[in-house]
Amino acid sequence: MSNPNKPDPNLDPNLRSRLLKESQNPFRGLRRAVWIALFGSAALGFFIMFSKIITGDIVSIKDFAIQSSALIILGFLLLKDRNKPDDD
């Protein structure tokens, strides 16, 4: 019987390292795409609300607070999920 933890000698080392990295952090690319899309949406909404405030239109403080907090939270999540240097 073969040991499942023993690396396959026919497996490319680069492919093996990529697969190990993906197994430690699954769906990272999809998650980053979602964070970027949501952050862009929050930034656009914030820009529109801010431009309405500058032009003198009335914007609810609650709506502006929600948009601002969404921008801050999604920006934090996007920064937290960025590439980190390996500790090897």
C-alpha atoms as a PDB file:
ATOM      1  CA  MET A   1       0.000   0.000   0.000  1.00  0.00           C
ATOM      2  CA  SER A   2       1.214   3.468  -0.785  1.00  0.00           C
ATOM      3  CA  ASN A   3       1.322   6.256   1.733  1.00  0.00           C
ATOM      4  CA  PRO A   4      -1.145   9.068   0.777  1.00  0.00           C
ATOM      5  CA  ASN A   5       1.055  11.677   2.496  1.00  0.00           C
ATOM      6  CA  LYS A   6       4.101  10.760   0.430  1.00  0.00           C
ATOM      7  CA  PRO A   7       4.517  13.123  -2.575  1.00  0.00           C
ATOM      8  CA  ASP A   8       4.081  11.596  -6.007  1.00  0.00           C
ATOM      9  CA  PRO A   9       7.487  11.485  -7.762  1.00  0.00           C
ATOM     10  CA  ASN A  10       5.804  12.174 -11.139  1.00  0.00           C
ATOM     11  CA  LEU A  11       4.159  15.403  -9.915  1.00  0.00           C
ATOM     12  CA  ASP A  12       5.734  18.677 -11.011  1.00  0.00           C
ATOM     13  CA  PRO A  13       7.122  20.540  -7.934  1.00  0.00           C
ATOM     14  CA  ASN A  14       5.623  23.849  -9.114  1.00  0.00           C
ATOM     15  CA  LEU A  15       2.184  22.282  -9.512  1.00  0.00           C
ATOM     16  CA  ARG A  16       2.512  20.624  -6.111  1.00  0.00           C
ATOM     17  CA  SER A  17       3.342  23.923  -4.407  1.00  0.00           C
ATOM     18  CA  ARG A  18       0.426  25.676  -6.133  1.00  0.00           C
ATOM     19  CA  LEU A  19      -1.954  22.900  -5.094  1.00  0.00           C
ATOM     20  CA  LEU A  20      -0.723  23.029  -1.495  1.00  0.00           C
ATOM     21  CA  LYS A  21      -1.153  26.805  -1.434  1.00  0.00           C
ATOM     22  CA  GLU A  22      -4.673  26.507  -2.871  1.00  0.00           C
ATOM     23  CA  SER A  23      -5.608  23.810  -0.338  1.00  0.00           C
ATOM     24  CA  GLN A  24      -4.519  26.080   2.516  1.00  0.00           C
ATOM     25  CA  ASN A  25      -6.547  29.018   1.177  1.00  0.00           C
ATOM     26  CA  PRO A  26      -9.400  27.750  -1.038  1.00  0.00           C
ATOM     27  CA  PHE A  27     -11.419  30.029  -3.359  1.00  0.00           C
ATOM     28  CA  ARG A  28      -9.010  32.913  -2.795  1.00  0.00           C
ATOM     29  CA  GLY A  29      -9.321  34.283  -6.317  1.00  0.00           C
ATOM     30  CA  LEU A  30     -13.111  34.211  -6.242  1.00  0.00           C
ATOM     31  CA  ARG A  31     -13.166  35.804  -2.796  1.00  0.00           C
ATOM     32  CA  ARG A  32     -10.835  38.601  -3.955  1.00  0.00           C
ATOM     33  CA  ALA A  33     -13.048  39.248  -6.992  1.00  0.00           C
ATOM     34  CA  VAL A  34     -16.114  39.545  -4.741  1.00  0.00           C
ATOM     35  CA  TRP A  35     -14.308  41.916  -2.337  1.00  0.00           C
ATOM     36  CA  ILE A  36     -13.146  44.095  -5.250  1.00  0.00           C
ATOM     37  CA  ALA A  37     -16.642  44.230  -6.778  1.00  0.00           C
ATOM     38  CA  LEU A  38     -18.304  45.081  -3.466  1.00  0.00           C
ATOM     39  CA  PHE A  39     -15.647  47.663  -2.590  1.00  0.00           C
ATOM     40  CA  GLY A  40     -16.090  49.298  -6.014  1.00  0.00           C
ATOM     41  CA  SER A  41     -19.838  49.421  -5.516  1.00  0.00           C
ATOM     42  CA  ALA A  42     -19.456  50.977  -2.065  1.00  0.00           C
ATOM     43  CA  ALA A  43     -16.925  53.508  -3.392  1.00  0.00           C
ATOM     44  CA  LEU A  44     -19.235  54.493  -6.239  1.00  0.00           C
ATOM     45  CA  GLY A  45     -22.181  54.876  -3.854  1.00  0.00           C
ATOM     46  CA  PHE A  46     -20.069  56.942  -1.479  1.00  0.00           C
ATOM     47  CA  PHE A  47     -18.886  59.171  -4.331  1.00  0.00           C
ATOM     48  CA  ILE A  48     -22.470  59.755  -5.507  1.00  0.00           C
ATOM     49  CA  MET A  49     -23.699  60.558  -1.991  1.00  0.00           C
ATOM     50  CA  PHE A  50     -20.746  62.839  -1.337  1.00  0.00           C
ATOM     51  CA  SER A  51     -21.321  64.692  -4.615  1.00  0.00           C
ATOM     52  CA  LYS A  52     -25.001  65.153  -3.682  1.00  0.00           C
ATOM     53  CA  ILE A  53     -23.952  66.639  -0.342  1.00  0.00           C
ATOM     54  CA  ILE A  54     -21.539  69.015  -2.081  1.00  0.00           C
ATOM     55  CA  THR A  55     -24.221  70.185  -4.534  1.00  0.00           C
ATOM     56  CA  GLY A  56     -26.625  70.917  -1.672  1.00  0.00           C
ATOM     57  CA  ASP A  57     -29.046  68.009  -1.978  1.00  0.00           C
ATOM     58  CA  ILE A  58     -30.387  66.465   1.188  1.00  0.00           C
ATOM     59  CA  VAL A  59     -28.921  63.065   2.073  1.00  0.00           C
ATOM     60  CA  SER A  60     -29.988  61.159   5.155  1.00  0.00           C
ATOM     61  CA  ILE A  61     -27.248  60.851   7.751  1.00  0.00           C
ATOM     62  CA  LYS A  62     -28.190  57.187   8.252  1.00  0.00           C
ATOM     63  CA  ASP A  63     -27.721  56.445   4.538  1.00  0.00           C
ATOM     64  CA  PHE A  64     -24.393  58.260   4.469  1.00  0.00           C
ATOM     65  CA  ALA A  65     -23.242  56.411   7.616  1.00  0.00           C
ATOM     66  CA  ILE A  66     -24.201  53.046   6.108  1.00  0.00           C
ATOM     67  CA  GLN A  67     -22.359  53.829   2.878  1.00  0.00           C
ATOM     68  CA  SER A  68     -19.289  55.079   4.740  1.00  0.00           C
ATOM     69  CA  SER A  69     -19.163  52.044   7.013  1.00  0.00           C
ATOM     70  CA  ALA A  70     -19.607  49.694   4.034  1.00  0.00           C
ATOM     71  CA  LEU A  71     -16.676  51.396   2.307  1.00  0.00           C
ATOM     72  CA  ILE A  72     -14.488  51.095   5.417  1.00  0.00           C
ATOM     73  CA  ILE A  73     -15.434  47.474   6.160  1.00  0.00           C
ATOM     74  CA  LEU A  74     -14.986  46.273   2.579  1.00  0.00           C
ATOM     75  CA  GLY A  75     -11.700  48.159   2.282  1.00  0.00           C
ATOM     76  CA  PHE A  76     -10.488  46.455   5.450  1.00  0.00           C
ATOM     77  CA  LEU A  77     -11.531  43.020   4.156  1.00  0.00           C
ATOM     78  CA  LEU A  78      -9.815  43.673   0.831  1.00  0.00           C
ATOM     79  CA  LEU A  79      -6.587  44.716   2.557  1.00  0.00           C
ATOM     80  CA  LYS A  80      -6.751  41.800   4.999  1.00  0.00           C
ATOM     81  CA  ASP A  81      -7.063  39.310   2.122  1.00  0.00           C
ATOM     82  CA  ARG A  82      -4.097  40.649   0.153  1.00  0.00           C
ATOM     83  CA  ASN A  83      -1.013  38.568  -0.634  1.00  0.00           C
ATOM     84  CA  LYS A  84       1.118  37.947   2.394  1.00  0.00           C
ATOM     85  CA  PRO A  85       4.803  37.082   2.108  1.00  0.00           C
ATOM     86  CA  ASP A  86       5.655  33.463   2.834  1.00  0.00           C
ATOM     87  CA  ASP A  87       7.361  32.762   6.141  1.00  0.00           C
ATOM     88  CA  ASP A  88       9.597  30.081   4.598  1.00  0.00           C
END
